[in-house]
Amino acid sequence: MKTYLGVDVGSVTTKLALLCEDGQLAASTYLHTQGKPIVQVQEGLKAIKEQMPPGTEICGVATTGSARYLAGVVLGADLVKNEVTSHAIAAMHYIPEVQTVIEIGGQDSKIIIIRDGVVIDFGMNTVCAAGTGSFLDHQASRLNIKIEEFGEQALKSKMPVRIAGRCTVFAESDMIHKQQMGHKTEDILYGLCQALVRNYFNNVALGKKILPKVVFQGGVAFNKGIIKALNEVLDTEVVVPPHHELMGAIGAALLVHEEMATASSKSTFKGFGISETDFHVSSFICKACPNQCEIAQLFLDGRILARWGGRCDRWENAVAMK
C-alpha cells in the first residue's frame, strides 16, 4: 500500500498524519513539542511505524509548521510547505465548499480566505498570546480546571462575565477581579472563550470578508465553548472537520502526494532509522550585514547538514555547495 506522510511541527504540538492514496487517514500521532522538535519528530515516527499495516510503503514526506525546515532536513522531506497552504488544502479536502478557514493553535492563530478553491488572502497573529490556545491553557490552570474539561464547563454558563481579552495580562487581572466578586467559574470560563473570540476578530480577522462555509480547525477546536462563541459572532454555523487537530499534517501529506505523482525520482525520505539518530542543533549570529540574523545549524556526527534562518541564502548556499 502506498502512503504519504505529512509532518506539522509547531511550537506547542507536533502532528504526523499518514494518508493512503485515496486520501484516507491510515495512521496519526499528536504530541507535545516541549521545546524538543527533533526528539518529538523521532517519537512521532516510531508511533507511525507501529500503526502502519504490513506492506505499507511511504512514497513521499512533507513538512509544515514553524519548525518545518528543521524537520524537513531531519526526515529528508520531498516537500516543505507553509502552514497557510497546508491548512487550506486540508480544509478543502474535507469541506470542498469552504470559503473561510479559522485556525487557532497553541501559539498562533490564522484566518484563510478561499474563493473558488484558491487562497486569495490570509491573516496571522503570532505576537499576542491572548488569541491562542496557550491563553486558555494558562487561565484554566489558574482556575484549577483541566483544559480537556474547559469547554464542557464553559457551556454550563448562564450569565457569562465580560473579560478584557486584548492582552493576557489584563485578562488575568480581570479574571481574578471577577473571581473576587463571586462570579461562578463556568461564567468566567465562557467569558474567557468570548474574550478569545473577540480578540481573534478584532486582530486576525480584521478587515477580512468572512463567507460560509466557515471551517474551524486546530487544537482549540476541541473546545466547545469556543465553537459556541464563534457561532454567536458569525451569522453562519461553524463547521469543525474530522481530524481538525491534524489538519496541517494532513494538508502536507495531500500536497506531497500531488508532488510525487509527477516526480521522476523516488522519495528522499531517510527512513525510520532516523528515529534513533543523534542530531545536534546550535545557532550563531551572522555579522555579514547590519541585519545580524540568527542562523540555526543542524549537525550529525560533527558534520553540518543544514543551516537556515537568514534573510538571504548566504549560509544555506554554503552548505549546498559542500
C-alpha atoms as a PDB file:
ATOM      1  CA  MET A   1       0.000   0.000   0.000  1.00  0.00           C
ATOM      2  CA  LYS A   2       1.401   3.389  -1.000  1.00  0.00           C
ATOM      3  CA  THR A   3       1.139   6.144   1.592  1.00  0.00           C
ATOM      4  CA  TYR A   4       2.235   9.755   2.098  1.00  0.00           C
ATOM      5  CA  LEU A   5       3.428  11.282   5.350  1.00  0.00           C
ATOM      6  CA  GLY A   6       2.712  14.844   6.481  1.00  0.00           C
ATOM      7  CA  VAL A   7       4.542  16.286   9.496  1.00  0.00           C
ATOM      8  CA  ASP A   8       3.422  19.511  11.208  1.00  0.00           C
ATOM      9  CA  VAL A   9       5.919  20.709  13.829  1.00  0.00           C
ATOM     10  CA  GLY A  10       4.621  23.654  15.824  1.00  0.00           C
ATOM     11  CA  SER A  11       5.908  25.409  18.916  1.00  0.00           C
ATOM     12  CA  VAL A  12       3.374  23.625  21.151  1.00  0.00           C
ATOM     13  CA  THR A  13       2.427  20.397  19.347  1.00  0.00           C
ATOM     14  CA  THR A  14       3.882  18.043  16.741  1.00  0.00           C
ATOM     15  CA  LYS A  15       1.467  16.182  14.479  1.00  0.00           C
ATOM     16  CA  LEU A  16       2.104  13.363  11.973  1.00  0.00           C
ATOM     17  CA  ALA A  17      -0.503  12.070   9.521  1.00  0.00           C
ATOM     18  CA  LEU A  18      -0.098   9.145   7.130  1.00  0.00           C
ATOM     19  CA  LEU A  19      -2.534   9.132   4.199  1.00  0.00           C
ATOM     20  CA  CYS A  20      -3.428   6.391   1.730  1.00  0.00           C
ATOM     21  CA  GLU A  21      -3.579   7.174  -1.986  1.00  0.00           C
ATOM     22  CA  ASP A  22      -7.328   7.792  -1.709  1.00  0.00           C
ATOM     23  CA  GLY A  23      -6.743  10.446   0.979  1.00  0.00           C
ATOM     24  CA  GLN A  24      -7.931   8.310   3.893  1.00  0.00           C
ATOM     25  CA  LEU A  25      -6.067   8.624   7.181  1.00  0.00           C
ATOM     26  CA  ALA A  26      -4.059   5.430   7.779  1.00  0.00           C
ATOM     27  CA  ALA A  27      -2.134   6.455  10.899  1.00  0.00           C
ATOM     28  CA  SER A  28      -1.554   9.548  13.009  1.00  0.00           C
ATOM     29  CA  THR A  29       0.007  10.854  16.194  1.00  0.00           C
ATOM     30  CA  TYR A  30      -0.331  14.055  18.236  1.00  0.00           C
ATOM     31  CA  LEU A  31       2.494  15.010  20.584  1.00  0.00           C
ATOM     32  CA  HIS A  32       3.545  17.997  22.683  1.00  0.00           C
ATOM     33  CA  THR A  33       6.690  19.555  21.209  1.00  0.00           C
ATOM     34  CA  GLN A  34       8.055  20.582  24.653  1.00  0.00           C
ATOM     35  CA  GLY A  35      10.826  22.620  23.041  1.00  0.00           C
ATOM     36  CA  LYS A  36      12.340  19.460  21.517  1.00  0.00           C
ATOM     37  CA  PRO A  37      11.127  19.326  17.884  1.00  0.00           C
ATOM     38  CA  ILE A  38      13.679  16.763  16.686  1.00  0.00           C
ATOM     39  CA  VAL A  39      13.013  14.390  19.580  1.00  0.00           C
ATOM     40  CA  GLN A  40       9.259  14.637  19.050  1.00  0.00           C
ATOM     41  CA  VAL A  41       9.548  14.055  15.300  1.00  0.00           C
ATOM     42  CA  GLN A  42      11.566  10.941  16.103  1.00  0.00           C
ATOM     43  CA  GLU A  43       8.962   9.800  18.642  1.00  0.00           C
ATOM     44  CA  GLY A  44       6.226  10.519  16.110  1.00  0.00           C
ATOM     45  CA  LEU A  45       7.947   8.332  13.524  1.00  0.00           C
ATOM     46  CA  LYS A  46       8.080   5.458  15.997  1.00  0.00           C
ATOM     47  CA  ALA A  47       4.343   5.841  16.665  1.00  0.00           C
ATOM     48  CA  ILE A  48       3.524   5.922  12.946  1.00  0.00           C
ATOM     49  CA  LYS A  49       5.631   2.818  12.283  1.00  0.00           C
ATOM     50  CA  GLU A  50       3.751   0.898  14.984  1.00  0.00           C
ATOM     51  CA  GLN A  51       0.392   1.810  13.392  1.00  0.00           C
ATOM     52  CA  MET A  52       1.352   1.043   9.776  1.00  0.00           C
ATOM     53  CA  PRO A  53      -0.295  -2.023   8.209  1.00  0.00           C
ATOM     54  CA  PRO A  54       2.107  -4.687   6.859  1.00  0.00           C
ATOM     55  CA  GLY A  55       3.380  -3.977   3.360  1.00  0.00           C
ATOM     56  CA  THR A  56       2.944  -0.216   3.648  1.00  0.00           C
ATOM     57  CA  GLU A  57       5.366   1.963   1.671  1.00  0.00           C
ATOM     58  CA  ILE A  58       5.939   5.671   2.328  1.00  0.00           C
ATOM     59  CA  CYS A  59       6.202   7.253  -1.118  1.00  0.00           C
ATOM     60  CA  GLY A  60       6.540  10.887  -0.066  1.00  0.00           C
ATOM     61  CA  VAL A  61       7.117  13.076   3.005  1.00  0.00           C
ATOM     62  CA  ALA A  62       6.268  16.751   3.520  1.00  0.00           C
ATOM     63  CA  THR A  63       6.797  19.059   6.474  1.00  0.00           C
ATOM     64  CA  THR A  64       4.998  22.193   7.626  1.00  0.00           C
ATOM     65  CA  GLY A  65       4.748  24.321  10.775  1.00  0.00           C
ATOM     66  CA  SER A  66       7.159  26.686  12.472  1.00  0.00           C
ATOM     67  CA  ALA A  67       9.957  24.060  12.521  1.00  0.00           C
ATOM     68  CA  ARG A  68       9.272  22.796   9.005  1.00  0.00           C
ATOM     69  CA  TYR A  69      12.791  23.422   7.680  1.00  0.00           C
ATOM     70  CA  LEU A  70      14.424  21.646  10.598  1.00  0.00           C
ATOM     71  CA  ALA A  71      12.005  18.701  10.319  1.00  0.00           C
ATOM     72  CA  GLY A  72      12.488  18.633   6.547  1.00  0.00           C
ATOM     73  CA  VAL A  73      16.251  18.175   6.863  1.00  0.00           C
ATOM     74  CA  VAL A  74      15.914  15.559   9.600  1.00  0.00           C
ATOM     75  CA  LEU A  75      13.389  13.499   7.639  1.00  0.00           C
ATOM     76  CA  GLY A  76      14.762  14.026   4.145  1.00  0.00           C
ATOM     77  CA  ALA A  77      11.437  15.572   3.132  1.00  0.00           C
ATOM     78  CA  ASP A  78      10.391  15.765  -0.502  1.00  0.00           C
ATOM     79  CA  LEU A  79       8.427  18.960   0.135  1.00  0.00           C
ATOM     80  CA  VAL A  80       8.432  21.797   2.697  1.00  0.00           C
ATOM     81  CA  LYS A  81       5.270  23.937   2.765  1.00  0.00           C
ATOM     82  CA  ASN A  82       3.970  26.846   4.836  1.00  0.00           C
ATOM     83  CA  GLU A  83       1.086  26.406   7.287  1.00  0.00           C
ATOM     84  CA  VAL A  84      -1.394  28.540   5.348  1.00  0.00           C
ATOM     85  CA  THR A  85      -1.201  26.375   2.226  1.00  0.00           C
ATOM     86  CA  SER A  86      -1.276  23.128   4.214  1.00  0.00           C
ATOM     87  CA  HIS A  87      -4.316  24.116   6.292  1.00  0.00           C
ATOM     88  CA  ALA A  88      -6.185  25.410   3.250  1.00  0.00           C
ATOM     89  CA  ILE A  89      -5.623  22.217   1.243  1.00  0.00           C
ATOM     90  CA  ALA A  90      -6.769  20.051   4.155  1.00  0.00           C
ATOM     91  CA  ALA A  91      -9.891  22.172   4.692  1.00  0.00           C
ATOM     92  CA  MET A  92     -10.843  21.897   1.015  1.00  0.00           C
ATOM     93  CA  HIS A  93     -10.205  18.136   1.113  1.00  0.00           C
ATOM     94  CA  TYR A  94     -12.867  17.618   3.803  1.00  0.00           C
ATOM     95  CA  ILE A  95     -15.157  20.587   3.078  1.00  0.00           C
ATOM     96  CA  PRO A  96     -14.825  21.378  -0.677  1.00  0.00           C
ATOM     97  CA  GLU A  97     -17.150  24.387  -0.466  1.00  0.00           C
ATOM     98  CA  VAL A  98     -15.168  26.110   2.314  1.00  0.00           C
ATOM     99  CA  GLN A  99     -14.624  29.854   1.863  1.00  0.00           C
ATOM    100  CA  THR A 100     -13.214  30.798   5.280  1.00  0.00           C
ATOM    101  CA  VAL A 101     -10.810  28.850   7.488  1.00  0.00           C
ATOM    102  CA  ILE A 102     -10.405  29.792  11.152  1.00  0.00           C
ATOM    103  CA  GLU A 103      -7.374  28.102  12.656  1.00  0.00           C
ATOM    104  CA  ILE A 104      -6.381  28.598  16.285  1.00  0.00           C
ATOM    105  CA  GLY A 105      -3.339  26.773  17.586  1.00  0.00           C
ATOM    106  CA  GLY A 106      -1.296  26.803  20.745  1.00  0.00           C
ATOM    107  CA  GLN A 107       0.902  29.803  19.977  1.00  0.00           C
ATOM    108  CA  ASP A 108      -0.605  31.429  16.871  1.00  0.00           C
ATOM    109  CA  SER A 109      -3.866  31.833  15.033  1.00  0.00           C
ATOM    110  CA  LYS A 110      -4.763  32.496  11.426  1.00  0.00           C
ATOM    111  CA  ILE A 111      -7.611  33.144   9.029  1.00  0.00           C
ATOM    112  CA  ILE A 112      -7.548  31.907   5.438  1.00  0.00           C
ATOM    113  CA  ILE A 113      -9.875  33.300   2.784  1.00  0.00           C
ATOM    114  CA  ILE A 114     -10.656  30.896  -0.069  1.00  0.00           C
ATOM    115  CA  ARG A 115     -12.650  31.632  -3.209  1.00  0.00           C
ATOM    116  CA  ASP A 116     -13.299  29.057  -5.950  1.00  0.00           C
ATOM    117  CA  GLY A 117     -10.730  26.699  -4.459  1.00  0.00           C
ATOM    118  CA  VAL A 118      -7.954  29.309  -4.358  1.00  0.00           C
ATOM    119  CA  VAL A 119      -6.424  31.073  -1.331  1.00  0.00           C
ATOM    120  CA  ILE A 120      -6.821  34.800  -2.016  1.00  0.00           C
ATOM    121  CA  ASP A 121      -5.983  36.270   1.399  1.00  0.00           C
ATOM    122  CA  PHE A 122      -4.910  35.349   4.903  1.00  0.00           C
ATOM    123  CA  GLY A 123      -4.068  36.904   8.252  1.00  0.00           C
ATOM    124  CA  MET A 124      -1.973  35.683  11.166  1.00  0.00           C
ATOM    125  CA  ASN A 125      -1.340  36.565  14.794  1.00  0.00           C
ATOM    126  CA  THR A 126       1.980  35.363  16.188  1.00  0.00           C
ATOM    127  CA  VAL A 127       2.654  38.181  18.677  1.00  0.00           C
ATOM    128  CA  CYS A 128      -0.170  38.287  21.233  1.00  0.00           C
ATOM    129  CA  ALA A 129      -0.956  35.087  23.139  1.00  0.00           C
ATOM    130  CA  ALA A 130      -4.464  36.332  24.007  1.00  0.00           C
ATOM    131  CA  GLY A 131      -5.776  34.940  20.710  1.00  0.00           C
ATOM    132  CA  THR A 132      -4.294  31.462  21.054  1.00  0.00           C
ATOM    133  CA  GLY A 133      -4.725  28.173  22.871  1.00  0.00           C
ATOM    134  CA  SER A 134      -1.959  28.954  25.362  1.00  0.00           C
ATOM    135  CA  PHE A 135      -4.165  31.774  26.674  1.00  0.00           C
ATOM    136  CA  LEU A 136      -6.877  29.262  27.590  1.00  0.00           C
ATOM    137  CA  ASP A 137      -4.355  26.744  28.958  1.00  0.00           C
ATOM    138  CA  HIS A 138      -2.865  29.289  31.326  1.00  0.00           C
ATOM    139  CA  GLN A 139      -6.211  30.593  32.586  1.00  0.00           C
ATOM    140  CA  ALA A 140      -7.591  27.068  33.026  1.00  0.00           C
ATOM    141  CA  SER A 141      -4.564  26.261  35.171  1.00  0.00           C
ATOM    142  CA  ARG A 142      -5.241  29.303  37.348  1.00  0.00           C
ATOM    143  CA  LEU A 143      -8.826  28.122  37.839  1.00  0.00           C
ATOM    144  CA  ASN A 144      -7.726  24.533  38.571  1.00  0.00           C
ATOM    145  CA  ILE A 145      -9.636  23.269  35.549  1.00  0.00           C
ATOM    146  CA  LYS A 146      -8.233  20.619  33.204  1.00  0.00           C
ATOM    147  CA  ILE A 147      -8.048  22.023  29.685  1.00  0.00           C
ATOM    148  CA  GLU A 148      -9.928  18.917  28.450  1.00  0.00           C
ATOM    149  CA  GLU A 149     -12.880  19.938  30.696  1.00  0.00           C
ATOM    150  CA  PHE A 150     -12.742  23.658  29.833  1.00  0.00           C
ATOM    151  CA  GLY A 151     -15.284  23.592  27.008  1.00  0.00           C
ATOM    152  CA  GLU A 152     -17.876  21.454  28.772  1.00  0.00           C
ATOM    153  CA  GLN A 153     -17.674  23.626  31.887  1.00  0.00           C
ATOM    154  CA  ALA A 154     -17.975  26.819  29.813  1.00  0.00           C
ATOM    155  CA  LEU A 155     -21.182  25.529  28.162  1.00  0.00           C
ATOM    156  CA  LYS A 156     -22.853  25.443  31.604  1.00  0.00           C
ATOM    157  CA  SER A 157     -22.649  29.237  31.840  1.00  0.00           C
ATOM    158  CA  LYS A 158     -25.940  31.101  32.216  1.00  0.00           C
ATOM    159  CA  MET A 159     -24.568  34.612  32.760  1.00  0.00           C
ATOM    160  CA  PRO A 160     -21.049  34.901  31.271  1.00  0.00           C
ATOM    161  CA  VAL A 161     -18.938  37.763  32.547  1.00  0.00           C
ATOM    162  CA  ARG A 162     -17.063  40.087  30.225  1.00  0.00           C
ATOM    163  CA  ILE A 163     -13.307  39.567  30.391  1.00  0.00           C
ATOM    164  CA  ALA A 164     -10.841  42.076  28.913  1.00  0.00           C
ATOM    165  CA  GLY A 165      -9.226  39.927  26.227  1.00  0.00           C
ATOM    166  CA  ARG A 166      -6.959  42.327  24.347  1.00  0.00           C
ATOM    167  CA  CYS A 167      -3.950  41.259  26.444  1.00  0.00           C
ATOM    168  CA  THR A 168      -3.195  38.211  28.596  1.00  0.00           C
ATOM    169  CA  VAL A 169      -2.014  40.423  31.464  1.00  0.00           C
ATOM    170  CA  PHE A 170      -5.256  42.432  31.516  1.00  0.00           C
ATOM    171  CA  ALA A 171      -7.336  39.284  31.044  1.00  0.00           C
ATOM    172  CA  GLU A 172      -5.697  37.618  34.007  1.00  0.00           C
ATOM    173  CA  SER A 173      -6.182  40.594  36.341  1.00  0.00           C
ATOM    174  CA  ASP A 174      -9.772  40.988  35.135  1.00  0.00           C
ATOM    175  CA  MET A 175     -10.439  37.277  35.707  1.00  0.00           C
ATOM    176  CA  ILE A 176      -9.076  37.483  39.266  1.00  0.00           C
ATOM    177  CA  HIS A 177     -11.294  40.516  39.912  1.00  0.00           C
ATOM    178  CA  LYS A 178     -14.354  38.595  38.675  1.00  0.00           C
ATOM    179  CA  GLN A 179     -13.462  35.691  40.960  1.00  0.00           C
ATOM    180  CA  GLN A 180     -13.204  38.046  43.913  1.00  0.00           C
ATOM    181  CA  MET A 181     -16.639  39.422  43.065  1.00  0.00           C
ATOM    182  CA  GLY A 182     -18.057  35.912  43.431  1.00  0.00           C
ATOM    183  CA  HIS A 183     -18.898  35.059  39.822  1.00  0.00           C
ATOM    184  CA  LYS A 184     -19.310  31.362  39.038  1.00  0.00           C
ATOM    185  CA  THR A 185     -16.377  29.509  37.486  1.00  0.00           C
ATOM    186  CA  GLU A 186     -18.387  28.475  34.407  1.00  0.00           C
ATOM    187  CA  ASP A 187     -19.390  32.102  33.777  1.00  0.00           C
ATOM    188  CA  ILE A 188     -15.738  33.152  33.926  1.00  0.00           C
ATOM    189  CA  LEU A 189     -14.725  30.280  31.630  1.00  0.00           C
ATOM    190  CA  TYR A 190     -17.249  31.199  28.969  1.00  0.00           C
ATOM    191  CA  GLY A 191     -16.271  34.850  29.393  1.00  0.00           C
ATOM    192  CA  LEU A 192     -12.717  33.790  28.536  1.00  0.00           C
ATOM    193  CA  CYS A 193     -13.995  31.982  25.418  1.00  0.00           C
ATOM    194  CA  GLN A 194     -15.810  35.118  24.321  1.00  0.00           C
ATOM    195  CA  ALA A 195     -12.703  37.219  25.045  1.00  0.00           C
ATOM    196  CA  LEU A 196     -10.515  34.993  22.842  1.00  0.00           C
ATOM    197  CA  VAL A 197     -13.049  35.144  20.007  1.00  0.00           C
ATOM    198  CA  ARG A 198     -13.313  38.950  20.297  1.00  0.00           C
ATOM    199  CA  ASN A 199      -9.538  39.205  20.177  1.00  0.00           C
ATOM    200  CA  TYR A 200      -9.461  36.985  17.089  1.00  0.00           C
ATOM    201  CA  PHE A 201     -11.976  39.058  15.139  1.00  0.00           C
ATOM    202  CA  ASN A 202     -10.502  42.386  16.268  1.00  0.00           C
ATOM    203  CA  ASN A 203      -6.998  41.408  15.204  1.00  0.00           C
ATOM    204  CA  VAL A 204      -6.514  38.348  12.988  1.00  0.00           C
ATOM    205  CA  ALA A 205      -9.780  38.629  11.049  1.00  0.00           C
ATOM    206  CA  LEU A 206      -9.957  42.433  10.971  1.00  0.00           C
ATOM    207  CA  GLY A 207     -10.942  43.628   7.503  1.00  0.00           C
ATOM    208  CA  LYS A 208     -11.481  40.103   6.129  1.00  0.00           C
ATOM    209  CA  LYS A 209     -14.742  39.202   4.382  1.00  0.00           C
ATOM    210  CA  ILE A 210     -15.976  36.061   6.120  1.00  0.00           C
ATOM    211  CA  LEU A 211     -18.273  33.953   3.956  1.00  0.00           C
ATOM    212  CA  PRO A 212     -19.735  30.468   4.537  1.00  0.00           C
ATOM    213  CA  LYS A 213     -18.838  27.736   4.784  1.00  0.00           C
ATOM    214  CA  VAL A 214     -16.669  28.620   7.728  1.00  0.00           C
ATOM    215  CA  VAL A 215     -14.349  25.825   8.874  1.00  0.00           C
ATOM    216  CA  PHE A 216     -12.782  25.871  12.348  1.00  0.00           C
ATOM    217  CA  GLN A 217      -9.662  23.775  12.815  1.00  0.00           C
ATOM    218  CA  GLY A 218      -6.622  23.447  15.052  1.00  0.00           C
ATOM    219  CA  GLY A 219      -6.270  22.074  18.578  1.00  0.00           C
ATOM    220  CA  VAL A 220      -8.546  24.742  20.091  1.00  0.00           C
ATOM    221  CA  ALA A 221     -11.445  23.331  18.027  1.00  0.00           C
ATOM    222  CA  PHE A 222     -11.695  20.668  20.760  1.00  0.00           C
ATOM    223  CA  ASN A 223     -13.131  23.426  22.968  1.00  0.00           C
ATOM    224  CA  LYS A 224     -16.917  23.511  22.599  1.00  0.00           C
ATOM    225  CA  GLY A 225     -17.063  26.831  24.405  1.00  0.00           C
ATOM    226  CA  ILE A 226     -15.017  28.474  21.638  1.00  0.00           C
ATOM    227  CA  ILE A 227     -17.261  26.907  18.988  1.00  0.00           C
ATOM    228  CA  LYS A 228     -20.344  28.358  20.691  1.00  0.00           C
ATOM    229  CA  ALA A 229     -18.694  31.781  20.981  1.00  0.00           C
ATOM    230  CA  LEU A 230     -17.773  31.731  17.286  1.00  0.00           C
ATOM    231  CA  ASN A 231     -21.336  30.810  16.326  1.00  0.00           C
ATOM    232  CA  GLU A 232     -22.630  33.741  18.379  1.00  0.00           C
ATOM    233  CA  VAL A 233     -20.461  36.211  16.461  1.00  0.00           C
ATOM    234  CA  LEU A 234     -20.970  34.823  12.957  1.00  0.00           C
ATOM    235  CA  ASP A 235     -24.215  34.667  11.006  1.00  0.00           C
ATOM    236  CA  THR A 236     -23.456  31.136   9.867  1.00  0.00           C
ATOM    237  CA  GLU A 237     -22.722  27.812  11.534  1.00  0.00           C
ATOM    238  CA  VAL A 238     -19.075  26.991  12.106  1.00  0.00           C
ATOM    239  CA  VAL A 239     -18.073  23.550  10.784  1.00  0.00           C
ATOM    240  CA  VAL A 240     -15.433  21.501  12.618  1.00  0.00           C
ATOM    241  CA  PRO A 241     -13.955  18.933  10.195  1.00  0.00           C
ATOM    242  CA  PRO A 242     -12.834  15.435  11.163  1.00  0.00           C
ATOM    243  CA  HIS A 243      -9.238  15.240  12.436  1.00  0.00           C
ATOM    244  CA  HIS A 244      -9.278  19.026  12.920  1.00  0.00           C
ATOM    245  CA  GLU A 245      -6.219  18.868  15.193  1.00  0.00           C
ATOM    246  CA  LEU A 246      -4.173  17.201  12.408  1.00  0.00           C
ATOM    247  CA  MET A 247      -5.131  19.447   9.507  1.00  0.00           C
ATOM    248  CA  GLY A 248      -1.669  20.936   8.950  1.00  0.00           C
ATOM    249  CA  ALA A 249      -0.102  17.480   8.715  1.00  0.00           C
ATOM    250  CA  ILE A 250      -2.951  16.162   6.551  1.00  0.00           C
ATOM    251  CA  GLY A 251      -2.593  19.103   4.176  1.00  0.00           C
ATOM    252  CA  ALA A 252       1.155  18.490   3.904  1.00  0.00           C
ATOM    253  CA  ALA A 253       0.530  14.819   3.089  1.00  0.00           C
ATOM    254  CA  LEU A 254      -2.007  15.741   0.399  1.00  0.00           C
ATOM    255  CA  LEU A 255       0.454  18.204  -1.138  1.00  0.00           C
ATOM    256  CA  VAL A 256       3.329  15.741  -1.270  1.00  0.00           C
ATOM    257  CA  HIS A 257       1.029  13.122  -2.808  1.00  0.00           C
ATOM    258  CA  GLU A 258       0.322  15.568  -5.625  1.00  0.00           C
ATOM    259  CA  GLU A 259       4.023  16.456  -5.877  1.00  0.00           C
ATOM    260  CA  MET A 260       5.222  12.853  -6.108  1.00  0.00           C
ATOM    261  CA  ALA A 261       2.616  11.968  -8.731  1.00  0.00           C
ATOM    262  CA  THR A 262       4.639  13.963 -11.275  1.00  0.00           C
ATOM    263  CA  ALA A 263       8.109  13.394  -9.803  1.00  0.00           C
ATOM    264  CA  SER A 264      10.626  11.483 -11.891  1.00  0.00           C
ATOM    265  CA  SER A 265      12.552  10.147  -8.874  1.00  0.00           C
ATOM    266  CA  LYS A 266      11.745   8.277  -5.687  1.00  0.00           C
ATOM    267  CA  SER A 267      11.183   9.858  -2.292  1.00  0.00           C
ATOM    268  CA  THR A 268      14.197  11.252  -0.435  1.00  0.00           C
ATOM    269  CA  PHE A 269      12.719  10.115   2.900  1.00  0.00           C
ATOM    270  CA  LYS A 270      15.599   8.837   5.062  1.00  0.00           C
ATOM    271  CA  GLY A 271      13.568   6.048   6.610  1.00  0.00           C
ATOM    272  CA  PHE A 272      12.558   5.095  10.133  1.00  0.00           C
ATOM    273  CA  GLY A 273      16.180   4.612  11.184  1.00  0.00           C
ATOM    274  CA  ILE A 274      16.487   8.349  11.833  1.00  0.00           C
ATOM    275  CA  SER A 275      14.310   7.913  14.909  1.00  0.00           C
ATOM    276  CA  GLU A 276      17.442   6.515  16.591  1.00  0.00           C
ATOM    277  CA  THR A 277      19.873   9.114  15.165  1.00  0.00           C
ATOM    278  CA  ASP A 278      21.538  11.624  17.485  1.00  0.00           C
ATOM    279  CA  PHE A 279      21.191  15.087  15.915  1.00  0.00           C
ATOM    280  CA  HIS A 280      22.566  18.311  17.389  1.00  0.00           C
ATOM    281  CA  VAL A 281      21.299  21.875  16.842  1.00  0.00           C
ATOM    282  CA  SER A 282      23.113  25.152  17.547  1.00  0.00           C
ATOM    283  CA  SER A 283      22.938  28.744  16.349  1.00  0.00           C
ATOM    284  CA  PHE A 284      25.089  31.817  15.801  1.00  0.00           C
ATOM    285  CA  ILE A 285      24.643  35.461  14.793  1.00  0.00           C
ATOM    286  CA  CYS A 286      25.699  36.321  11.249  1.00  0.00           C
ATOM    287  CA  LYS A 287      27.581  39.632  11.188  1.00  0.00           C
ATOM    288  CA  ALA A 288      27.979  39.879   7.419  1.00  0.00           C
ATOM    289  CA  CYS A 289      25.477  42.776   7.311  1.00  0.00           C
ATOM    290  CA  PRO A 290      23.528  45.026   9.741  1.00  0.00           C
ATOM    291  CA  ASN A 291      20.588  42.557   9.878  1.00  0.00           C
ATOM    292  CA  GLN A 292      22.542  40.266  12.224  1.00  0.00           C
ATOM    293  CA  CYS A 293      20.348  37.233  11.530  1.00  0.00           C
ATOM    294  CA  GLU A 294      20.341  34.294  13.918  1.00  0.00           C
ATOM    295  CA  ILE A 295      21.427  31.278  11.874  1.00  0.00           C
ATOM    296  CA  ALA A 296      20.404  27.804  13.068  1.00  0.00           C
ATOM    297  CA  GLN A 297      22.519  24.820  12.084  1.00  0.00           C
ATOM    298  CA  LEU A 298      21.922  21.084  12.261  1.00  0.00           C
ATOM    299  CA  PHE A 299      24.789  18.669  12.921  1.00  0.00           C
ATOM    300  CA  LEU A 300      25.161  14.898  12.628  1.00  0.00           C
ATOM    301  CA  ASP A 301      28.430  13.320  13.780  1.00  0.00           C
ATOM    302  CA  GLY A 302      30.131  16.718  13.667  1.00  0.00           C
ATOM    303  CA  ARG A 303      29.020  17.345  10.070  1.00  0.00           C
ATOM    304  CA  ILE A 304      26.735  20.267   9.185  1.00  0.00           C
ATOM    305  CA  LEU A 305      23.595  19.015   7.465  1.00  0.00           C
ATOM    306  CA  ALA A 306      21.800  22.336   7.079  1.00  0.00           C
ATOM    307  CA  ARG A 307      21.704  26.000   8.029  1.00  0.00           C
ATOM    308  CA  TRP A 308      18.700  28.295   7.888  1.00  0.00           C
ATOM    309  CA  GLY A 309      17.152  31.412   9.412  1.00  0.00           C
ATOM    310  CA  GLY A 310      18.819  34.200   7.440  1.00  0.00           C
ATOM    311  CA  ARG A 311      17.133  36.855   5.333  1.00  0.00           C
ATOM    312  CA  CYS A 312      19.420  35.872   2.460  1.00  0.00           C
ATOM    313  CA  ASP A 313      20.722  32.479   1.281  1.00  0.00           C
ATOM    314  CA  ARG A 314      24.341  33.084   2.313  1.00  0.00           C
ATOM    315  CA  TRP A 315      24.593  30.220   4.793  1.00  0.00           C
ATOM    316  CA  GLU A 316      22.104  27.905   3.095  1.00  0.00           C
ATOM    317  CA  ASN A 317      24.105  28.117  -0.119  1.00  0.00           C
ATOM    318  CA  ALA A 318      27.351  27.495   1.759  1.00  0.00           C
ATOM    319  CA  VAL A 319      26.004  24.109   2.900  1.00  0.00           C
ATOM    320  CA  ALA A 320      24.555  23.293  -0.523  1.00  0.00           C
ATOM    321  CA  MET A 321      27.932  23.846  -2.236  1.00  0.00           C
ATOM    322  CA  LYS A 322      29.777  21.415   0.063  1.00  0.00           C
END
